[in-house]
Amino acid sequence: MRVLVTGATGFIGTRLIEALLASGMEVTGTYRGTRPERPAVTWLPLTQIESSDAWAAPLAHVHSVVHLAALAHRTGAAANGASELDYARVNIEGTRALARACRAARPARVVFLSSISVYGRGVLQVDERTPTHPDDAYGRSKLAAEAALQAELSGGTTDWCILRPPLLYGRGAPGNLPRLQALVARGMPLPLGAVRNRRSFMFVDNLIDALLAVLRFSGDIRAAYVLSDGSDFATPELVRILAAGSGRRARLVSVPVTLLRLLGNAGDFAARVLNLPGPFDSRTIDSLVGTLTIDSSRFRSTFAWQPPLEGARAFSHSYGLPVAAAAGERMP
């Protein structure tokens, strides 16, 4: 089996390539910029992700495709440079172009990594029956990309599967979690002591295992699934775990959640009206104080899948913590 991995040089792609090679599969990977050094991979440059013609060479002699290439979700100051048009060009039109090229190349299956962001904020628990309602440019682009993929592959021979994971963690992960870890490691007091929430995360290696399960699945799929691996934590609990791993005491200050949300709204105003983006916006605050848990029982049942490492054990393995620390137990 030869698998095309788009976005192969990213946080997920590099790990997926290693897993595919270890499983005895052949890999074609797309890249931008400098050609990667990883041997045993057929590397092909991709400069026009939104052009169907650009996908012809990467799709040659490919059995399956894992589409990871995307403009990632950005928050705080980083979000200021990403417009709706940027998300649309890369995430929507790039996916549409790939799917259109697949109609001619006819690979057996396309696996598209979407995002839990298609459900928006304000929902407490999601499964496949939860209505999608994205409330930012990134979420809207991912949902539109899902629709483009389905429309282009409709009536064709190529099977497809859409996966919607939560925030991923693991060494080298981008996003808010490593920033939180850095603050904890420096012993910074954090105003999160009054937070009473529950949020689903996912260990990147468990996601890789789920992707392999989809690639190996022998039946037809043509469906979207939410994903989780049991890594559900309250934010204060997460801070205590990270503090234990850093050898520090968690410094949690109880600040009312309403005040934290006001801080996020003020960050939105500063970025939108004053053009002064800062480290906090309402989405960043919501990721720290809001509840969002995922019921992935349908995926687990369909693919007979269980995460190799679940919950606290996954977190401890990812960050090199004692299992007791990741389970929230008191360290000696």
Protein backbone atom coordinates (compact mmCIF):
# COMPACT_ATOMS: atom_id res chain seq x y z
CA MET A 1 0.00 0.00 0.00
CA ARG A 2 1.30 3.45 -0.94
CA VAL A 3 -0.15 6.31 1.08
CA LEU A 4 0.01 10.00 0.17
CA VAL A 5 0.38 12.20 3.25
CA THR A 6 -0.27 15.89 2.68
CA GLY A 7 1.22 18.26 5.23
CA ALA A 8 3.76 15.53 5.86
CA THR A 9 6.31 17.78 7.56
CA GLY A 10 3.99 19.00 10.32
CA PHE A 11 3.46 17.92 13.92
CA ILE A 12 1.07 15.11 12.93
CA GLY A 13 2.52 14.32 9.52
CA THR A 14 6.04 13.50 10.72
CA ARG A 15 4.67 11.02 13.26
CA LEU A 16 2.26 9.48 10.77
CA ILE A 17 5.03 8.90 8.24
CA GLU A 18 7.11 7.02 10.82
CA ALA A 19 4.12 4.85 11.74
CA LEU A 20 3.30 4.10 8.09
CA LEU A 21 6.88 3.11 7.32
CA ALA A 22 7.03 0.96 10.44
CA SER A 23 3.86 -0.79 9.23
CA GLY A 24 5.52 -1.70 5.95
CA MET A 25 3.66 0.84 3.81
CA GLU A 26 5.19 3.05 1.14
CA VAL A 27 4.82 6.79 1.59
CA THR A 28 4.62 9.82 -0.66
CA GLY A 29 4.79 13.11 1.22
CA THR A 30 4.16 16.67 0.08
CA TYR A 31 6.17 19.58 1.41
CA ARG A 32 6.71 23.31 1.01
CA GLY A 33 10.08 25.00 1.17
CA THR A 34 13.18 22.85 1.74
CA ARG A 35 13.01 19.18 0.81
CA PRO A 36 12.96 17.04 3.98
CA GLU A 37 15.88 14.72 4.66
CA ARG A 38 13.80 11.71 5.74
CA PRO A 39 14.81 8.76 3.53
CA ALA A 40 12.42 6.03 2.34
CA VAL A 41 9.78 8.70 1.56
CA THR A 42 9.00 9.91 -1.96
CA TRP A 43 8.98 13.68 -1.46
CA LEU A 44 7.13 15.95 -3.87
CA PRO A 45 6.89 19.77 -3.59
CA LEU A 46 3.44 21.35 -3.53
CA THR A 47 3.31 25.10 -4.15
CA GLN A 48 -0.29 25.54 -5.33
CA ILE A 49 -2.49 23.60 -2.96
CA GLU A 50 -5.66 25.00 -4.56
CA SER A 51 -4.77 23.72 -8.07
CA SER A 52 -6.11 20.29 -9.09
CA ASP A 53 -3.29 19.96 -11.65
CA ALA A 54 -0.72 20.31 -8.85
CA TRP A 55 -2.08 17.15 -7.22
CA ALA A 56 -1.62 14.90 -10.27
CA ALA A 57 1.99 13.91 -9.53
CA PRO A 58 1.51 13.28 -5.77
CA LEU A 59 -1.53 11.08 -6.48
CA ALA A 60 0.24 8.85 -9.01
CA HIS A 61 0.23 5.17 -7.96
CA VAL A 62 -1.31 5.98 -4.58
CA HIS A 63 -3.69 3.62 -2.80
CA SER A 64 -4.89 5.98 -0.04
CA VAL A 65 -4.58 9.63 0.97
CA VAL A 66 -4.35 11.23 4.42
CA HIS A 67 -5.04 14.93 4.02
CA LEU A 68 -3.41 16.89 6.84
CA ALA A 69 -2.26 20.02 4.99
CA ALA A 70 -4.12 23.04 6.36
CA LEU A 71 -3.82 26.54 7.69
CA ALA A 72 -3.91 25.78 11.40
CA HIS A 73 -6.16 27.41 13.97
CA ARG A 74 -4.60 30.58 15.37
CA THR A 75 -5.53 32.49 18.51
CA GLY A 76 -4.35 35.61 20.30
CA ALA A 77 -1.77 37.74 18.49
CA ALA A 78 -1.07 34.98 15.95
CA ALA A 79 -4.65 35.16 14.67
CA ASN A 80 -4.23 38.72 13.46
CA GLY A 81 -2.45 37.68 10.26
CA ALA A 82 -4.89 34.95 9.22
CA SER A 83 -7.95 36.18 7.33
CA GLU A 84 -11.09 34.35 6.23
CA LEU A 85 -9.69 34.37 2.68
CA ASP A 86 -6.46 32.71 3.83
CA TYR A 87 -8.38 29.91 5.55
CA ALA A 88 -10.63 29.55 2.51
CA ARG A 89 -7.78 29.28 0.01
CA VAL A 90 -5.81 26.65 1.91
CA ASN A 91 -8.42 24.70 3.84
CA ILE A 92 -11.43 24.82 1.50
CA GLU A 93 -10.02 25.24 -2.00
CA GLY A 94 -6.99 23.07 -1.25
CA THR A 95 -9.23 20.23 -0.10
CA ARG A 96 -11.59 20.73 -3.03
CA ALA A 97 -8.70 20.60 -5.51
CA LEU A 98 -7.32 17.42 -3.96
CA ALA A 99 -10.72 15.72 -3.96
CA ARG A 100 -11.31 16.75 -7.60
CA ALA A 101 -7.94 15.28 -8.58
CA CYS A 102 -8.87 12.09 -6.72
CA ARG A 103 -11.83 11.62 -9.07
CA ALA A 104 -9.33 11.11 -11.90
CA ALA A 105 -6.62 9.27 -9.94
CA ARG A 106 -9.18 7.11 -8.08
CA PRO A 107 -7.34 6.18 -4.88
CA ALA A 108 -9.23 3.71 -2.72
CA ARG A 109 -9.73 6.08 0.23
CA VAL A 110 -9.22 9.68 1.37
CA VAL A 111 -8.95 10.38 5.11
CA PHE A 112 -9.47 14.06 5.94
CA LEU A 113 -8.42 15.47 9.28
CA SER A 114 -10.99 18.10 10.20
CA SER A 115 -11.47 19.58 13.68
CA ILE A 116 -13.81 19.67 16.66
CA SER A 117 -14.00 23.42 15.90
CA VAL A 118 -16.81 22.69 13.42
CA TYR A 119 -19.14 22.53 16.47
CA GLY A 120 -18.26 26.02 17.71
CA ARG A 121 -18.29 27.14 21.32
CA GLY A 122 -21.07 26.79 23.86
CA VAL A 123 -21.72 23.07 23.38
CA LEU A 124 -20.78 20.95 26.41
CA GLN A 125 -20.59 17.48 24.86
CA VAL A 126 -20.39 16.40 21.23
CA ASP A 127 -20.93 13.25 19.23
CA GLU A 128 -21.83 12.66 15.58
CA ARG A 129 -25.45 13.75 16.18
CA THR A 130 -24.48 17.18 17.51
CA PRO A 131 -25.34 19.98 15.03
CA THR A 132 -22.31 21.71 13.55
CA HIS A 133 -22.15 25.45 14.21
CA PRO A 134 -18.65 26.90 13.71
CA ASP A 135 -18.17 30.40 15.06
CA ASP A 136 -14.78 31.43 13.68
CA ALA A 137 -12.97 31.50 10.33
CA TYR A 138 -11.01 28.33 11.02
CA GLY A 139 -14.04 26.26 12.02
CA ARG A 140 -16.07 27.55 9.08
CA SER A 141 -13.25 26.67 6.68
CA LYS A 142 -12.96 23.14 8.05
CA LEU A 143 -16.70 22.49 7.78
CA ALA A 144 -16.77 23.90 4.24
CA ALA A 145 -13.78 21.71 3.35
CA GLU A 146 -15.69 18.65 4.59
CA ALA A 147 -18.60 19.59 2.32
CA ALA A 148 -16.28 20.18 -0.65
CA LEU A 149 -14.65 16.77 -0.16
CA GLN A 150 -17.99 14.98 -0.03
CA ALA A 151 -19.35 16.84 -3.06
CA GLU A 152 -16.31 16.13 -5.23
CA LEU A 153 -16.16 12.44 -4.30
CA SER A 154 -19.92 11.89 -4.50
CA GLY A 155 -20.80 9.15 -6.98
CA GLY A 156 -17.16 8.15 -7.48
CA THR A 157 -15.25 5.05 -6.46
CA THR A 158 -13.05 6.71 -3.83
CA ASP A 159 -14.16 6.05 -0.27
CA TRP A 160 -13.72 8.83 2.31
CA CYS A 161 -13.58 9.36 6.05
CA ILE A 162 -13.62 12.63 8.01
CA LEU A 163 -12.15 12.77 11.52
CA ARG A 164 -12.79 15.58 14.03
CA PRO A 165 -10.26 15.44 16.89
CA PRO A 166 -9.93 17.86 19.83
CA LEU A 167 -6.79 19.76 20.80
CA LEU A 168 -3.81 17.42 20.45
CA TYR A 169 -0.95 17.12 22.90
CA GLY A 170 2.47 15.53 22.79
CA ARG A 171 6.06 16.71 22.70
CA GLY A 172 6.45 19.42 20.09
CA ALA A 173 2.72 20.17 19.92
CA PRO A 174 1.72 23.68 18.86
CA GLY A 175 -1.07 25.66 20.49
CA ASN A 176 -2.17 26.72 23.95
CA LEU A 177 -1.14 23.64 25.92
CA PRO A 178 2.64 24.09 25.55
CA ARG A 179 2.23 27.78 26.42
CA LEU A 180 0.40 26.77 29.58
CA GLN A 181 3.14 24.24 30.34
CA ALA A 182 5.82 26.94 29.97
CA LEU A 183 3.99 29.27 32.39
CA VAL A 184 3.64 26.46 34.94
CA ALA A 185 7.32 25.51 34.60
CA ARG A 186 8.31 29.12 35.35
CA GLY A 187 6.25 29.06 38.53
CA MET A 188 3.86 31.74 37.34
CA PRO A 189 0.69 32.21 39.41
CA LEU A 190 -2.30 31.40 37.21
CA PRO A 191 -5.82 32.82 37.75
CA LEU A 192 -7.51 29.47 37.14
CA GLY A 193 -8.25 28.21 40.64
CA ALA A 194 -12.00 28.90 40.37
CA VAL A 195 -12.45 27.06 37.06
CA ARG A 196 -14.76 24.05 37.24
CA ASN A 197 -14.77 22.52 33.77
CA ARG A 198 -13.99 19.34 31.85
CA ARG A 199 -12.30 19.27 28.47
CA SER A 200 -11.30 16.50 26.05
CA PHE A 201 -7.80 16.37 24.64
CA MET A 202 -6.07 13.68 22.58
CA PHE A 203 -2.54 12.28 22.57
CA VAL A 204 -1.06 12.60 19.08
CA ASP A 205 0.18 8.98 19.05
CA ASN A 206 -3.39 7.80 19.71
CA LEU A 207 -4.56 9.88 16.75
CA ILE A 208 -1.90 8.22 14.58
CA ASP A 209 -3.17 4.81 15.66
CA ALA A 210 -6.74 5.83 14.78
CA LEU A 211 -5.60 6.99 11.33
CA LEU A 212 -3.97 3.61 10.74
CA ALA A 213 -7.18 1.87 11.79
CA VAL A 214 -9.12 3.86 9.19
CA LEU A 215 -6.57 3.11 6.47
CA ARG A 216 -6.76 -0.62 7.21
CA PHE A 217 -10.56 -0.77 7.43
CA SER A 218 -11.92 -3.14 4.80
CA GLY A 219 -15.50 -1.84 4.52
CA ASP A 220 -16.99 1.33 3.07
CA ILE A 221 -16.96 4.37 5.34
CA ARG A 222 -18.17 7.68 3.80
CA ALA A 223 -18.89 9.24 7.19
CA ALA A 224 -17.56 11.79 9.70
CA TYR A 225 -16.50 10.83 13.23
CA VAL A 226 -15.50 12.67 16.39
CA LEU A 227 -12.43 11.35 18.18
CA SER A 228 -11.12 11.24 21.74
CA ASP A 229 -8.96 8.92 23.81
CA GLY A 230 -10.24 9.52 27.34
CA SER A 231 -7.85 12.40 28.07
CA ASP A 232 -10.48 14.53 29.82
CA PHE A 233 -9.17 17.05 32.34
CA ALA A 234 -10.32 20.07 34.32
CA THR A 235 -7.99 23.00 33.77
CA PRO A 236 -6.82 23.23 37.44
CA GLU A 237 -6.18 19.47 37.32
CA LEU A 238 -4.13 19.96 34.15
CA VAL A 239 -2.08 22.70 35.81
CA ARG A 240 -1.36 20.44 38.81
CA ILE A 241 -0.24 17.61 36.50
CA LEU A 242 2.10 19.89 34.57
CA ALA A 243 3.44 21.36 37.81
CA ALA A 244 4.19 17.89 39.17
CA GLY A 245 6.07 17.06 35.97
CA SER A 246 8.11 20.26 36.32
CA GLY A 247 8.89 19.64 39.98
CA ARG A 248 6.96 22.74 41.02
CA ARG A 249 3.97 23.48 43.17
CA ALA A 250 0.89 24.55 41.23
CA ARG A 251 0.21 28.24 41.91
CA LEU A 252 -3.52 28.65 41.28
CA VAL A 253 -5.29 31.90 42.15
CA SER A 254 -9.08 31.90 42.32
CA VAL A 255 -10.39 34.57 39.94
CA PRO A 256 -14.08 34.53 38.97
CA VAL A 257 -14.63 32.96 35.55
CA THR A 258 -16.78 35.93 34.53
CA LEU A 259 -13.77 38.22 34.94
CA LEU A 260 -11.61 35.88 32.84
CA ARG A 261 -14.21 35.94 30.08
CA LEU A 262 -14.27 39.74 30.25
CA LEU A 263 -10.50 39.67 29.75
CA GLY A 264 -11.01 37.57 26.61
CA ASN A 265 -13.65 39.96 25.29
CA ALA A 266 -11.31 42.88 25.91
CA GLY A 267 -8.65 41.06 23.90
CA ASP A 268 -11.11 40.64 21.02
CA PHE A 269 -11.90 44.36 21.11
CA ALA A 270 -8.23 45.36 21.18
CA ALA A 271 -7.41 43.17 18.20
CA ARG A 272 -10.49 44.01 16.11
CA VAL A 273 -10.97 47.72 16.81
CA LEU A 274 -7.60 48.97 17.98
CA ASN A 275 -5.47 46.58 15.89
CA LEU A 276 -3.55 45.67 19.03
CA PRO A 277 -3.62 41.86 19.22
CA GLY A 278 -2.47 40.45 22.53
CA PRO A 279 -1.87 37.00 24.02
CA PHE A 280 -5.50 36.52 25.11
CA ASP A 281 -8.79 36.54 23.25
CA SER A 282 -12.19 35.04 24.01
CA ARG A 283 -11.34 31.75 22.29
CA THR A 284 -8.13 31.31 24.27
CA ILE A 285 -9.98 32.02 27.51
CA ASP A 286 -12.78 29.63 26.55
CA SER A 287 -10.23 26.86 25.98
CA LEU A 288 -9.12 27.35 29.61
CA VAL A 289 -12.47 27.80 31.37
CA GLY A 290 -15.05 26.17 29.07
CA THR A 291 -16.31 22.59 29.07
CA LEU A 292 -16.21 20.45 25.93
CA THR A 293 -16.16 16.67 26.14
CA ILE A 294 -16.30 14.20 23.26
CA ASP A 295 -18.16 10.90 23.01
CA SER A 296 -16.19 8.84 20.49
CA SER A 297 -18.06 5.56 21.07
CA ARG A 298 -19.30 5.41 17.47
CA PHE A 299 -15.76 5.53 16.06
CA ARG A 300 -14.54 2.97 18.58
CA SER A 301 -17.38 0.61 17.72
CA THR A 302 -17.13 1.00 13.94
CA PHE A 303 -13.39 0.45 13.74
CA ALA A 304 -13.05 -1.85 16.78
CA TRP A 305 -10.55 0.70 18.07
CA GLN A 306 -9.17 1.37 21.51
CA PRO A 307 -6.39 3.92 22.10
CA PRO A 308 -3.05 2.25 22.85
CA LEU A 309 -2.68 4.64 25.80
CA GLU A 310 -5.75 6.07 27.47
CA GLY A 311 -6.40 9.08 29.67
CA ALA A 312 -3.84 9.71 32.39
CA ARG A 313 -1.44 7.06 31.06
CA ALA A 314 -1.37 8.78 27.66
CA PHE A 315 -0.59 12.10 29.29
CA SER A 316 2.14 10.65 31.50
CA HIS A 317 3.75 8.92 28.53
CA SER A 318 3.60 12.07 26.42
CA TYR A 319 5.31 14.34 28.94
CA GLY A 320 7.47 11.82 30.76
CA LEU A 321 5.50 12.10 34.00
CA PRO A 322 4.97 9.44 36.64
CA VAL A 323 1.55 7.88 36.10
CA ALA A 324 0.54 8.99 39.60
CA ALA A 325 1.10 12.64 38.62
CA ALA A 326 -0.92 12.36 35.42
CA ALA A 327 -3.71 10.63 37.31
CA GLY A 328 -3.92 13.61 39.62
CA GLU A 329 -2.57 11.73 42.63
CA ARG A 330 -0.41 13.43 45.22
CA MET A 331 3.29 13.07 44.49
CA PRO A 332 5.64 12.04 47.31
